[in-house]
C-alpha cells in the first residue's frame, strides 16, 4: 500500500511506516524521544509499538488518564512540566500513540512547548486514523466546549497501522465509522454506497476503506489547510453533533457519548435540514437515516434537552458574525458550506429524529 502525501508530511501504512519512522529518527538526530500515551494505549498499544522503534536515543514514556475529560489545558500543563523535568529541549520529538484525545492534545503540547517541537502521530483508534490525526488540527476542550483552544500545525509524519484496531471495542470502531460515512456523504457517493450493507464487508476490506477515507479528507484539506473555505465540508454533522456531545458530556443525567455517536446523530439531523431545503430527495434522506440508524443506537432526547443543545451552537467554531453556520449536503457526495437554518427547522429535525 503506497503512502499518501499530505500538506507538508507523509502518511504511511502498516510496516512501511515503522521503516520510515526509524530512518527519519536516525537522519534527524533527535536529542530525546517522548512517547505520549493515555492509560488505554499504554496498556494495549505501547507493548506492540516499542519493538518497532529501533534507536539508541533515550526514550521516555509520558502517560495521562484516558478519556475526553483529560483533553484540557490542565493536562497540558502537567505534561509540559514532565517534559521540562525530564530535560526535553528543542531537538526532542513527541510520538503521540493513541486515539483522538492523544493526537489532538499531544500535537498541541508539542506545538506550544518551547515555541514548538517536532511530533509524530501514530493513531490507534479508527476515529483517530481517519480523522483526528490527519489535517493538522491540534487542541483541547474549554470546559465542556469541544476543541475551543488549539492550533493548526502538521506532524512530521503519520503512521496508520490497522493492527491496533484488534484491541478496540465495537463501540469505538463504530465511532470511527461515523467519520468514514461522512466522507462518503460529502465527497464520494460510490464510497458511501460501500457502507449500505455492512454484512458484505469484512476485515480484509478495512485497510482499503481506511486508505480511501484518509485520501478523501487529505484531498479536501490540501485545498484549504486553514479552513477558510471547502475544508468546512468536513464539519457536516458536526455543528449539531458537537453541541450534542458537549451537552451529554456536561449533564450528569446523560450517558457520555463517543464522538462518532454524537456525529451520527448530527448527520441525520443535518441531512434532514438538507432535505427540507430541497437539496436531497426524501429517498436520499431516508437512505442516510436508515443506514446510520442501523449502525448506531438511537440517542434519547427529552423535550427539555433541545433548547440547551441549541444554546451551545453559538460556540461552534464555524460561526461568523454571530450566525450559526452549517455544512449541508447537496445530493449524496456533494456539499454546501456556510449555510444557515432557522431554529424552528432544527427543532423539527430533532422531532423527526425521534420517530
Protein backbone atom coordinates (compact mmCIF):
# COMPACT_ATOMS: atom_id res chain seq x y z
CA UNK A 1 0.00 0.00 0.00
CA UNK A 2 1.53 3.31 -1.08
CA UNK A 3 1.80 6.31 1.21
CA UNK A 4 -0.34 9.45 0.94
CA UNK A 5 1.43 12.79 0.68
CA UNK A 6 -0.37 15.35 2.81
CA UNK A 7 0.30 19.07 3.10
CA UNK A 8 3.85 19.01 4.45
CA UNK A 9 4.03 15.45 5.76
CA UNK A 10 3.62 11.82 4.59
CA UNK A 11 1.01 9.32 5.82
CA UNK A 12 2.42 5.79 5.87
CA UNK A 13 0.60 2.49 6.27
CA UNK A 14 1.46 -0.54 8.37
CA UNK A 15 5.07 -1.80 8.50
CA UNK A 16 6.31 0.67 5.87
CA UNK A 17 5.53 3.36 8.42
CA UNK A 18 7.90 1.97 11.03
CA UNK A 19 10.68 1.68 8.47
CA UNK A 20 10.16 5.33 7.53
CA UNK A 21 9.98 6.32 11.21
CA UNK A 22 13.30 4.72 12.13
CA UNK A 23 15.03 6.19 9.10
CA UNK A 24 13.62 9.65 9.89
CA UNK A 25 14.68 9.48 13.55
CA UNK A 26 18.20 8.41 12.55
CA UNK A 27 18.55 11.18 9.96
CA UNK A 28 17.10 13.93 12.18
CA UNK A 29 19.34 13.12 15.18
CA UNK A 30 16.85 13.93 17.92
CA UNK A 31 18.20 14.52 21.41
CA UNK A 32 15.40 12.53 23.07
CA UNK A 33 12.14 10.78 22.24
CA UNK A 34 8.95 11.11 24.27
CA UNK A 35 6.10 8.68 23.61
CA UNK A 36 2.80 10.18 24.78
CA UNK A 37 0.11 7.65 25.69
CA UNK A 38 -3.08 7.56 27.69
CA UNK A 39 -3.83 4.75 30.12
CA UNK A 40 -5.58 2.72 27.40
CA UNK A 41 -2.91 2.99 24.71
CA UNK A 42 -0.20 2.45 27.32
CA UNK A 43 -1.74 -0.93 28.19
CA UNK A 44 -2.90 -2.15 24.79
CA UNK A 45 -0.72 -0.43 22.17
CA UNK A 46 2.64 0.54 23.62
CA UNK A 47 3.87 -3.09 24.00
CA UNK A 48 3.22 -3.59 20.28
CA UNK A 49 4.84 -0.32 19.25
CA UNK A 50 8.12 -0.28 21.20
CA UNK A 51 9.67 -3.33 19.43
CA UNK A 52 9.38 -1.42 16.15
CA UNK A 53 11.32 1.56 17.49
CA UNK A 54 14.97 0.86 16.58
CA UNK A 55 17.09 3.61 18.09
CA UNK A 56 19.79 4.25 20.69
CA UNK A 57 18.22 7.61 21.60
CA UNK A 58 16.79 7.87 25.11
CA UNK A 59 13.04 7.13 25.20
CA UNK A 60 10.65 8.36 27.90
CA UNK A 61 7.01 7.31 28.24
CA UNK A 62 4.56 10.03 29.33
CA UNK A 63 1.09 8.82 30.35
CA UNK A 64 -2.14 10.63 31.23
CA UNK A 65 -5.64 9.39 32.09
CA UNK A 66 -7.69 8.27 29.10
CA UNK A 67 -10.96 9.92 28.10
CA UNK A 68 -12.33 13.22 26.81
CA UNK A 69 -12.31 14.61 30.36
CA UNK A 70 -8.48 14.73 30.18
CA UNK A 71 -8.46 16.81 27.00
CA UNK A 72 -7.92 20.14 28.71
CA UNK A 73 -5.27 22.74 29.44
CA UNK A 74 -4.65 21.31 32.93
CA UNK A 75 -3.43 18.05 31.40
CA UNK A 76 -1.21 20.05 29.03
CA UNK A 77 0.36 21.90 31.98
CA UNK A 78 1.11 18.58 33.67
CA UNK A 79 2.76 17.23 30.51
CA UNK A 80 4.74 20.43 29.90
CA UNK A 81 6.06 20.14 33.47
CA UNK A 82 7.00 16.48 32.95
CA UNK A 83 8.80 17.32 29.70
CA UNK A 84 10.71 20.08 31.48
CA UNK A 85 11.66 17.82 34.42
CA UNK A 86 12.88 15.13 32.01
CA UNK A 87 15.06 17.58 30.09
CA UNK A 88 13.15 17.91 26.82
CA UNK A 89 14.65 20.51 24.50
CA UNK A 90 14.07 21.98 21.05
CA UNK A 91 15.60 18.86 19.46
CA UNK A 92 13.26 16.45 21.23
CA UNK A 93 10.37 14.75 19.44
CA UNK A 94 6.99 13.62 20.77
CA UNK A 95 5.38 10.48 19.33
CA UNK A 96 1.64 10.54 20.02
CA UNK A 97 0.45 6.93 20.33
CA UNK A 98 -3.27 6.68 20.94
CA UNK A 99 -6.72 7.80 19.92
CA UNK A 100 -8.02 11.25 19.04
CA UNK A 101 -7.57 12.68 22.53
CA UNK A 102 -3.87 11.70 22.46
CA UNK A 103 -3.23 13.04 18.95
CA UNK A 104 -5.21 16.27 19.48
CA UNK A 105 -3.68 17.02 22.87
CA UNK A 106 -0.21 15.71 22.01
CA UNK A 107 0.01 17.82 18.88
CA UNK A 108 -1.00 20.89 20.88
CA UNK A 109 1.52 20.15 23.64
CA UNK A 110 4.32 19.74 21.10
CA UNK A 111 3.30 22.81 19.08
CA UNK A 112 3.48 25.06 22.14
CA UNK A 113 6.36 23.59 24.17
CA UNK A 114 9.44 25.83 23.74
CA UNK A 115 7.51 27.50 20.90
CA UNK A 116 7.20 24.20 19.07
CA UNK A 117 8.97 20.86 18.84
CA UNK A 118 8.50 18.05 16.31
CA UNK A 119 5.75 15.49 16.75
CA UNK A 120 4.60 12.30 15.02
CA UNK A 121 1.13 10.76 15.15
CA UNK A 122 0.51 7.02 15.43
CA UNK A 123 -3.28 6.80 15.81
CA UNK A 124 -4.58 3.61 17.40
CA UNK A 125 -8.37 4.03 17.04
CA UNK A 126 -10.37 4.04 13.84
CA UNK A 127 -11.61 7.56 14.56
CA UNK A 128 -8.10 8.90 15.01
CA UNK A 129 -6.87 7.10 11.89
CA UNK A 130 -9.47 8.54 9.52
CA UNK A 131 -10.00 11.91 11.17
CA UNK A 132 -8.22 13.21 14.26
CA UNK A 133 -4.62 12.56 13.22
CA UNK A 134 -4.98 13.92 9.67
CA UNK A 135 -5.18 17.59 8.76
CA UNK A 136 -3.01 19.36 11.33
CA UNK A 137 -5.69 20.32 13.87
CA UNK A 138 -4.41 20.10 17.44
CA UNK A 139 -6.10 21.32 20.58
CA UNK A 140 -8.07 20.86 23.76
CA UNK A 141 -11.55 21.46 25.10
CA UNK A 142 -12.55 24.51 27.15
CA UNK A 143 -14.76 23.08 29.87
CA UNK A 144 -17.39 21.10 28.00
CA UNK A 145 -16.89 23.05 24.77
CA UNK A 146 -15.14 20.92 22.17
CA UNK A 147 -11.81 21.96 20.64
CA UNK A 148 -12.05 25.65 21.58
CA UNK A 149 -8.29 26.07 22.17
CA UNK A 150 -5.81 24.93 19.55
CA UNK A 151 -3.54 25.45 16.59
CA UNK A 152 -3.20 24.15 13.05
CA UNK A 153 0.26 22.61 12.83
CA UNK A 154 1.28 19.46 10.96
CA UNK A 155 3.20 16.44 12.28
CA UNK A 156 6.40 15.19 10.70
CA UNK A 157 4.56 12.01 9.68
CA UNK A 158 1.51 9.90 10.44
CA UNK A 159 1.65 6.09 10.66
CA UNK A 160 -1.55 4.12 10.17
CA UNK A 161 -1.30 0.55 11.47
CA UNK A 162 -4.65 -1.25 11.37
CA UNK A 163 -3.32 -3.99 13.69
CA UNK A 164 -4.01 -1.68 16.64
CA UNK A 165 -7.72 -1.98 15.86
CA UNK A 166 -7.72 -5.58 17.07
CA UNK A 167 -7.80 -4.29 20.66
CA UNK A 168 -10.60 -1.77 20.00
CA UNK A 169 -14.11 -2.27 21.46
CA UNK A 170 -17.00 -2.38 18.98
CA UNK A 171 -18.43 0.95 20.10
CA UNK A 172 -15.07 2.62 19.38
CA UNK A 173 -14.99 1.01 15.94
CA UNK A 174 -18.46 2.39 15.23
CA UNK A 175 -17.34 5.81 16.43
CA UNK A 176 -14.66 5.88 13.72
CA UNK A 177 -17.09 4.54 11.16
CA UNK A 178 -19.18 7.70 11.55
CA UNK A 179 -16.39 9.82 10.07
CA UNK A 180 -15.93 7.36 7.20
CA UNK A 181 -19.65 7.57 6.41
CA UNK A 182 -19.34 11.36 6.49
CA UNK A 183 -16.51 11.31 3.94
CA UNK A 184 -18.72 9.39 1.53
CA UNK A 185 -21.70 11.70 2.06
CA UNK A 186 -19.74 14.89 1.43
CA UNK A 187 -17.37 13.76 -1.30
CA UNK A 188 -17.75 10.30 -2.84
CA UNK A 189 -21.12 8.67 -3.45
CA UNK A 190 -19.51 5.38 -4.51
CA UNK A 191 -17.61 5.25 -1.22
CA UNK A 192 -20.84 5.90 0.71
CA UNK A 193 -22.54 3.04 -1.10
CA UNK A 194 -19.94 0.57 0.17
CA UNK A 195 -21.45 1.01 3.65
CA UNK A 196 -25.08 0.40 2.68
CA UNK A 197 -24.75 -3.27 3.55
CA UNK A 198 -22.05 -3.81 6.16
CA UNK A 199 -22.68 -7.55 6.11
CA UNK A 200 -20.87 -7.63 2.76
CA UNK A 201 -17.71 -6.15 4.30
CA UNK A 202 -15.07 -7.95 6.32
CA UNK A 203 -11.78 -7.05 7.96
CA UNK A 204 -9.95 -7.69 4.70
CA UNK A 205 -11.73 -4.64 3.26
CA UNK A 206 -10.82 -2.43 6.19
CA UNK A 207 -7.36 -1.28 5.05
CA UNK A 208 -8.71 -0.16 1.69
CA UNK A 209 -11.66 1.63 3.31
CA UNK A 210 -9.35 3.41 5.75
CA UNK A 211 -6.99 4.39 2.94
CA UNK A 212 -9.81 5.89 0.87
CA UNK A 213 -11.27 7.74 3.85
CA UNK A 214 -7.91 9.37 4.60
CA UNK A 215 -7.45 10.10 0.92
CA UNK A 216 -10.77 11.99 0.85
CA UNK A 217 -10.01 14.05 3.94
CA UNK A 218 -6.50 14.80 2.70
CA UNK A 219 -7.76 15.93 -0.71
CA UNK A 220 -10.11 18.42 0.97
CA UNK A 221 -7.51 19.68 3.45
CA UNK A 222 -4.89 20.13 0.72
CA UNK A 223 -7.24 22.58 -1.00
CA UNK A 224 -7.88 24.58 2.18
CA UNK A 225 -5.39 23.92 5.03
CA UNK A 226 -6.66 26.72 7.32
CA UNK A 227 -10.41 26.11 6.90
CA UNK A 228 -11.39 29.30 5.13
CA UNK A 229 -13.49 27.52 2.52
CA UNK A 230 -14.00 23.94 1.31
CA UNK A 231 -12.44 22.37 4.43
CA UNK A 232 -15.63 23.39 6.23
CA UNK A 233 -17.23 20.49 4.34
CA UNK A 234 -15.63 18.19 6.92
CA UNK A 235 -17.92 19.72 9.54
CA UNK A 236 -21.03 18.06 8.10
CA UNK A 237 -22.86 16.56 11.07
CA UNK A 238 -20.54 18.35 13.49
CA UNK A 239 -22.40 21.61 14.13
CA UNK A 240 -25.25 19.80 15.86
CA UNK A 241 -23.11 16.76 16.69
CA UNK A 242 -20.59 18.74 18.75
CA UNK A 243 -23.38 20.56 20.60
CA UNK A 244 -24.99 17.21 21.43
CA UNK A 245 -21.63 15.76 22.51
CA UNK A 246 -20.91 18.76 24.75
CA UNK A 247 -24.39 18.69 26.31
CA UNK A 248 -24.18 14.98 27.14
CA UNK A 249 -20.64 15.46 28.47
CA UNK A 250 -21.70 18.13 30.99
CA UNK A 251 -25.02 16.55 32.00
CA UNK A 252 -24.68 14.01 34.81
CA UNK A 253 -28.07 12.52 33.95
CA UNK A 254 -26.93 11.59 30.43
CA UNK A 255 -24.54 8.89 29.33
CA UNK A 256 -21.38 10.30 27.80
CA UNK A 257 -21.46 9.89 24.02
CA UNK A 258 -18.46 8.88 21.98
CA UNK A 259 -17.58 11.44 19.32
CA UNK A 260 -18.83 9.26 16.48
CA UNK A 261 -22.10 8.51 18.28
CA UNK A 262 -22.85 12.23 18.54
CA UNK A 263 -21.75 12.90 14.95
CA UNK A 264 -24.02 10.09 13.72
CA UNK A 265 -26.99 11.93 15.24
CA UNK A 266 -25.71 15.20 13.81
CA UNK A 267 -25.52 13.73 10.30
CA UNK A 268 -29.13 12.54 10.46
CA UNK A 269 -30.30 15.94 11.74
CA UNK A 270 -28.31 17.90 9.20
CA UNK A 271 -29.43 15.56 6.41
CA UNK A 272 -32.98 16.43 7.47
CA UNK A 273 -32.12 20.13 7.09
CA UNK A 274 -30.71 19.38 3.63
CA UNK A 275 -33.90 17.53 2.68
CA UNK A 276 -36.15 20.34 3.89
CA UNK A 277 -34.11 22.79 1.81
CA UNK A 278 -34.71 20.52 -1.24
CA UNK A 279 -31.03 19.74 -1.68
CA UNK A 280 -31.53 16.00 -1.27
CA UNK A 281 -34.60 13.89 -2.02
CA UNK A 282 -36.74 12.20 0.60
CA UNK A 283 -35.42 8.86 -0.66
CA UNK A 284 -31.82 10.01 -0.14
CA UNK A 285 -32.65 11.29 3.35
CA UNK A 286 -34.30 8.01 4.31
CA UNK A 287 -31.34 6.04 2.96
CA UNK A 288 -28.99 8.13 5.10
CA UNK A 289 -31.18 7.92 8.19
CA UNK A 290 -31.80 4.18 7.88
CA UNK A 291 -28.15 3.36 7.17
CA UNK A 292 -26.84 5.36 10.13
CA UNK A 293 -29.64 4.18 12.43
CA UNK A 294 -28.80 0.58 11.51
CA UNK A 295 -25.27 1.06 12.85
CA UNK A 296 -25.78 3.36 15.83
CA UNK A 297 -28.23 3.13 18.71
CA UNK A 298 -30.89 5.84 18.84
CA UNK A 299 -29.96 8.58 21.31
CA UNK A 300 -32.82 9.58 23.61
CA UNK A 301 -33.65 13.30 23.81
CA UNK A 302 -36.20 14.75 26.21
CA UNK A 303 -38.10 17.87 25.17
CA UNK A 304 -36.18 19.90 27.74
CA UNK A 305 -32.84 18.81 26.21
CA UNK A 306 -33.31 20.61 22.91
CA UNK A 307 -33.03 24.28 23.90
CA UNK A 308 -29.83 23.77 25.96
CA UNK A 309 -28.30 21.95 22.98
CA UNK A 310 -29.30 24.80 20.66
CA UNK A 311 -27.77 27.30 23.09
CA UNK A 312 -24.43 25.51 22.69
CA UNK A 313 -24.48 26.07 18.91
CA UNK A 314 -23.35 29.67 19.37
CA UNK A 315 -19.92 28.39 20.46
CA UNK A 316 -19.33 26.42 17.23
CA UNK A 317 -16.01 27.43 15.65
CA UNK A 318 -17.53 27.84 12.17
CA UNK A 319 -19.82 30.66 13.28
CA UNK A 320 -19.21 34.08 11.78
CA UNK A 321 -20.63 37.39 12.99
CA UNK A 322 -22.84 35.54 15.46
CA UNK A 323 -24.51 33.46 12.74
CA UNK A 324 -24.61 29.66 13.10
CA UNK A 325 -23.03 28.07 10.04
CA UNK A 326 -23.83 24.58 8.74
CA UNK A 327 -22.16 22.39 6.14
CA UNK A 328 -25.09 20.62 4.44
CA UNK A 329 -25.21 18.13 1.58
CA UNK A 330 -26.49 18.82 -1.92
CA UNK A 331 -27.09 15.29 -3.12
CA UNK A 332 -25.00 12.44 -1.74
CA UNK A 333 -21.35 13.17 -2.45
CA UNK A 334 -21.67 16.98 -2.68
CA UNK A 335 -21.58 19.72 -0.07
CA UNK A 336 -22.85 23.27 0.52
CA UNK A 337 -20.88 25.23 3.13
CA UNK A 338 -21.79 28.40 5.05
CA UNK A 339 -25.50 27.57 5.29
CA UNK A 340 -27.98 28.70 7.92
CA UNK A 341 -31.13 27.11 9.36
CA UNK A 342 -33.98 28.59 11.38
CA UNK A 343 -34.36 27.45 14.98
CA UNK A 344 -37.83 26.06 14.22
CA UNK A 345 -36.41 23.85 11.46
CA UNK A 346 -33.69 22.50 13.77
CA UNK A 347 -36.30 21.67 16.44
CA UNK A 348 -38.33 19.94 13.74
CA UNK A 349 -35.26 17.87 12.83
CA UNK A 350 -34.96 16.67 16.43
CA UNK A 351 -38.65 15.71 16.47
CA UNK A 352 -38.22 13.79 13.20
CA UNK A 353 -35.14 12.02 14.58
CA UNK A 354 -37.26 10.50 17.37
CA UNK A 355 -39.73 8.80 15.03
